[in-house]
C-alpha atoms as a PDB file:
ATOM      1  CA  TYR A   1       0.000   0.000   0.000  1.00  0.00           C
ATOM      2  CA  PRO A   2       1.380   3.450  -0.918  1.00  0.00           C
ATOM      3  CA  LEU A   3       0.733   5.086   2.471  1.00  0.00           C
ATOM      4  CA  TYR A   4       2.388   2.220   4.369  1.00  0.00           C
ATOM      5  CA  GLN A   5       5.441   2.397   2.072  1.00  0.00           C
ATOM      6  CA  HIS A   6       5.591   6.168   2.586  1.00  0.00           C
ATOM      7  CA  ILE A   7       5.573   5.886   6.382  1.00  0.00           C
ATOM      8  CA  LYS A   8       8.102   3.049   6.238  1.00  0.00           C
ATOM      9  CA  ARG A   9      10.513   5.170   4.190  1.00  0.00           C
ATOM     10  CA  LEU A  10      10.052   8.239   6.395  1.00  0.00           C
ATOM     11  CA  ASN A  11      10.974   6.088   9.389  1.00  0.00           C
ATOM     12  CA  GLN A  12      14.076   4.730   7.598  1.00  0.00           C
ATOM     13  CA  ILE A  13      15.227   8.260   6.837  1.00  0.00           C
ATOM     14  CA  ARG A  14      14.514   9.495  10.355  1.00  0.00           C
ATOM     15  CA  ARG A  15      16.421   6.597  11.952  1.00  0.00           C
ATOM     16  CA  ALA A  16      19.472   7.305   9.765  1.00  0.00           C
ATOM     17  CA  ILE A  17      19.680  11.053  10.516  1.00  0.00           C
ATOM     18  CA  PRO A  18      20.028  12.061  14.193  1.00  0.00           C
ATOM     19  CA  ALA A  19      19.121  15.703  13.426  1.00  0.00           C
ATOM     20  CA  LEU A  20      15.643  14.566  12.370  1.00  0.00           C
ATOM     21  CA  GLN A  21      15.241  12.657  15.641  1.00  0.00           C
ATOM     22  CA  LYS A  22      16.725  15.024  18.196  1.00  0.00           C
ATOM     23  CA  ALA A  23      17.255  18.562  16.888  1.00  0.00           C
ATOM     24  CA  PRO A  24      14.814  21.449  17.170  1.00  0.00           C
ATOM     25  CA  MET A  25      13.368  22.987  14.022  1.00  0.00           C
ATOM     26  CA  LYS A  26      14.791  26.412  13.194  1.00  0.00           C
ATOM     27  CA  ASP A  27      14.442  29.007  10.446  1.00  0.00           C
ATOM     28  CA  ALA A  28      11.050  27.561   9.481  1.00  0.00           C
ATOM     29  CA  ARG A  29       9.338  29.182   6.491  1.00  0.00           C
ATOM     30  CA  GLU A  30       5.861  28.371   5.210  1.00  0.00           C
ATOM     31  CA  TRP A  31       4.026  29.338   2.035  1.00  0.00           C
ATOM     32  CA  GLY A  32       0.882  28.118   0.274  1.00  0.00           C
ATOM     33  CA  SER A  33       2.396  24.997  -1.304  1.00  0.00           C
ATOM     34  CA  GLY A  34       5.268  24.112   0.994  1.00  0.00           C
ATOM     35  CA  MET A  35       7.645  24.765   3.822  1.00  0.00           C
ATOM     36  CA  SER A  36      11.319  24.571   4.695  1.00  0.00           C
ATOM     37  CA  PHE A  37      13.334  24.331   7.902  1.00  0.00           C
ATOM     38  CA  ILE A  38      16.744  23.414   9.323  1.00  0.00           C
ATOM     39  CA  ARG A  39      17.483  20.795  11.983  1.00  0.00           C
ATOM     40  CA  ASP A  40      20.911  21.136  13.664  1.00  0.00           C
ATOM     41  CA  TYR A  41      21.858  18.483  16.226  1.00  0.00           C
ATOM     42  CA  ASN A  42      24.780  19.112  18.563  1.00  0.00           C
ATOM     43  CA  ASN A  43      26.223  22.104  16.689  1.00  0.00           C
ATOM     44  CA  GLY A  44      26.597  20.392  13.323  1.00  0.00           C
ATOM     45  CA  GLN A  45      27.188  16.801  14.401  1.00  0.00           C
ATOM     46  CA  SER A  46      24.083  16.001  12.345  1.00  0.00           C
ATOM     47  CA  TYR A  47      22.617  18.744  10.165  1.00  0.00           C
ATOM     48  CA  ALA A  48      19.673  18.629   7.752  1.00  0.00           C
ATOM     49  CA  VAL A  49      17.864  21.146   5.565  1.00  0.00           C
ATOM     50  CA  VAL A  50      14.322  20.045   4.721  1.00  0.00           C
ATOM     51  CA  GLY A  51      11.923  21.280   2.054  1.00  0.00           C
ATOM     52  CA  LEU A  52       8.377  19.960   1.672  1.00  0.00           C
ATOM     53  CA  SER A  53       5.931  20.457  -1.192  1.00  0.00           C
ATOM     54  CA  ILE A  54       2.218  19.830  -1.463  1.00  0.00           C
ATOM     55  CA  GLY A  55       0.186  19.907  -4.637  1.00  0.00           C
ATOM     56  CA  SER A  56       2.854  21.293  -6.949  1.00  0.00           C
ATOM     57  CA  ALA A  57       6.606  21.103  -7.442  1.00  0.00           C
ATOM     58  CA  GLN A  58       8.631  23.722  -5.585  1.00  0.00           C
ATOM     59  CA  ASP A  59      11.970  25.462  -6.082  1.00  0.00           C
ATOM     60  CA  ILE A  60      13.225  26.076  -2.564  1.00  0.00           C
ATOM     61  CA  THR A  61      16.067  28.272  -1.316  1.00  0.00           C
ATOM     62  CA  VAL A  62      17.229  28.183   2.306  1.00  0.00           C
ATOM     63  CA  GLY A  63      19.756  30.692   3.606  1.00  0.00           C
ATOM     64  CA  ASN A  64      22.027  30.721   6.657  1.00  0.00           C
ATOM     65  CA  VAL A  65      23.035  27.078   6.204  1.00  0.00           C
ATOM     66  CA  ARG A  66      26.423  25.543   6.945  1.00  0.00           C
ATOM     67  CA  ASN A  67      28.787  25.294   3.993  1.00  0.00           C
ATOM     68  CA  GLY A  68      29.780  21.829   2.804  1.00  0.00           C
ATOM     69  CA  THR A  69      28.572  18.866   0.791  1.00  0.00           C
ATOM     70  CA  TYR A  70      24.891  17.947   1.104  1.00  0.00           C
ATOM     71  CA  LYS A  71      23.236  14.741  -0.094  1.00  0.00           C
ATOM     72  CA  ASP A  72      19.496  14.367  -0.476  1.00  0.00           C
ATOM     73  CA  ALA A  73      18.132  11.376   1.459  1.00  0.00           C
ATOM     74  CA  VAL A  74      15.190  11.219  -0.979  1.00  0.00           C
ATOM     75  CA  THR A  75      16.899  11.411  -4.402  1.00  0.00           C
ATOM     76  CA  GLY A  76      20.579  10.830  -3.636  1.00  0.00           C
ATOM     77  CA  GLN A  77      21.598  14.037  -5.427  1.00  0.00           C
ATOM     78  CA  THR A  78      24.584  16.047  -4.168  1.00  0.00           C
ATOM     79  CA  ILE A  79      24.971  19.829  -3.814  1.00  0.00           C
ATOM     80  CA  VAL A  80      28.065  21.659  -2.583  1.00  0.00           C
ATOM     81  CA  VAL A  81      27.275  24.840  -0.640  1.00  0.00           C
ATOM     82  CA  SER A  82      29.946  27.531  -0.345  1.00  0.00           C
ATOM     83  CA  SER A  83      27.805  30.664   0.065  1.00  0.00           C
ATOM     84  CA  GLY A  84      25.551  29.694   2.981  1.00  0.00           C
ATOM     85  CA  THR A  85      22.568  29.191   0.652  1.00  0.00           C
ATOM     86  CA  LEU A  86      21.089  25.853  -0.448  1.00  0.00           C
ATOM     87  CA  SER A  87      18.737  25.866  -3.463  1.00  0.00           C
ATOM     88  CA  PHE A  88      16.957  22.731  -4.628  1.00  0.00           C
ATOM     89  CA  HIS A  89      13.873  21.415  -6.428  1.00  0.00           C
ATOM     90  CA  VAL A  90      11.209  19.242  -4.793  1.00  0.00           C
ATOM     91  CA  LYS A  91       8.706  17.292  -6.866  1.00  0.00           C
ATOM     92  CA  ALA A  92       5.003  17.703  -6.093  1.00  0.00           C
ATOM     93  CA  ASN A  93       3.901  16.003  -2.858  1.00  0.00           C
ATOM     94  CA  SER A  94       7.457  15.076  -1.924  1.00  0.00           C
ATOM     95  CA  ALA A  95      10.384  16.295   0.158  1.00  0.00           C
ATOM     96  CA  GLY A  96      14.002  17.284  -0.098  1.00  0.00           C
ATOM     97  CA  ILE A  97      15.971  16.138   2.938  1.00  0.00           C
ATOM     98  CA  TRP A  98      19.466  17.523   2.404  1.00  0.00           C
ATOM     99  CA  VAL A  99      21.975  16.186   4.923  1.00  0.00           C
ATOM    100  CA  LEU A 100      25.400  17.745   5.446  1.00  0.00           C
ATOM    101  CA  ASN A 101      27.949  14.972   4.759  1.00  0.00           C
ATOM    102  CA  GLY A 102      24.940  12.667   4.525  1.00  0.00           C
ATOM    103  CA  PRO A 103      24.656   9.073   3.366  1.00  0.00           C
ATOM    104  CA  GLY A 104      22.701   9.810   0.171  1.00  0.00           C
ATOM    105  CA  LYS A 105      19.480   8.112  -0.865  1.00  0.00           C
ATOM    106  CA  ILE A 106      17.751   6.130   1.855  1.00  0.00           C
ATOM    107  CA  GLY A 107      15.040   3.609   0.929  1.00  0.00           C
ATOM    108  CA  SER A 108      13.116   3.175  -2.320  1.00  0.00           C
ATOM    109  CA  ASP A 109      10.998   5.664  -4.246  1.00  0.00           C
ATOM    110  CA  GLY A 110       7.274   5.475  -3.688  1.00  0.00           C
ATOM    111  CA  THR A 111       4.126   7.383  -4.546  1.00  0.00           C
ATOM    112  CA  TYR A 112       4.995  10.321  -2.285  1.00  0.00           C
ATOM    113  CA  LEU A 113       8.782  10.422  -1.863  1.00  0.00           C
ATOM    114  CA  LYS A 114      10.544  10.323  -5.217  1.00  0.00           C
END
């Protein structure tokens, strides 16, 4: 079932990234079709920038992020940040979970996370 697979993958991603388990949400922004936020655990020990979309695809830019190499836990893509700004695209009804020095893609694509 698509919803079960979605929840299963979200749990896999959350277990693999301590910032998603333990860090407070900061720099949260919301707009009609999405939101973004940063989760920073233990001063950069685990650091994630998250963008969510609903209904339509979103181009998301998040400022005041740590510089370094980010990998998306949803797609496996890599972005190097050197200016403190992370810009990325999120498909409709999906998420971008960009982890500083992260493991890359976690789990398999489904109906919602792809």
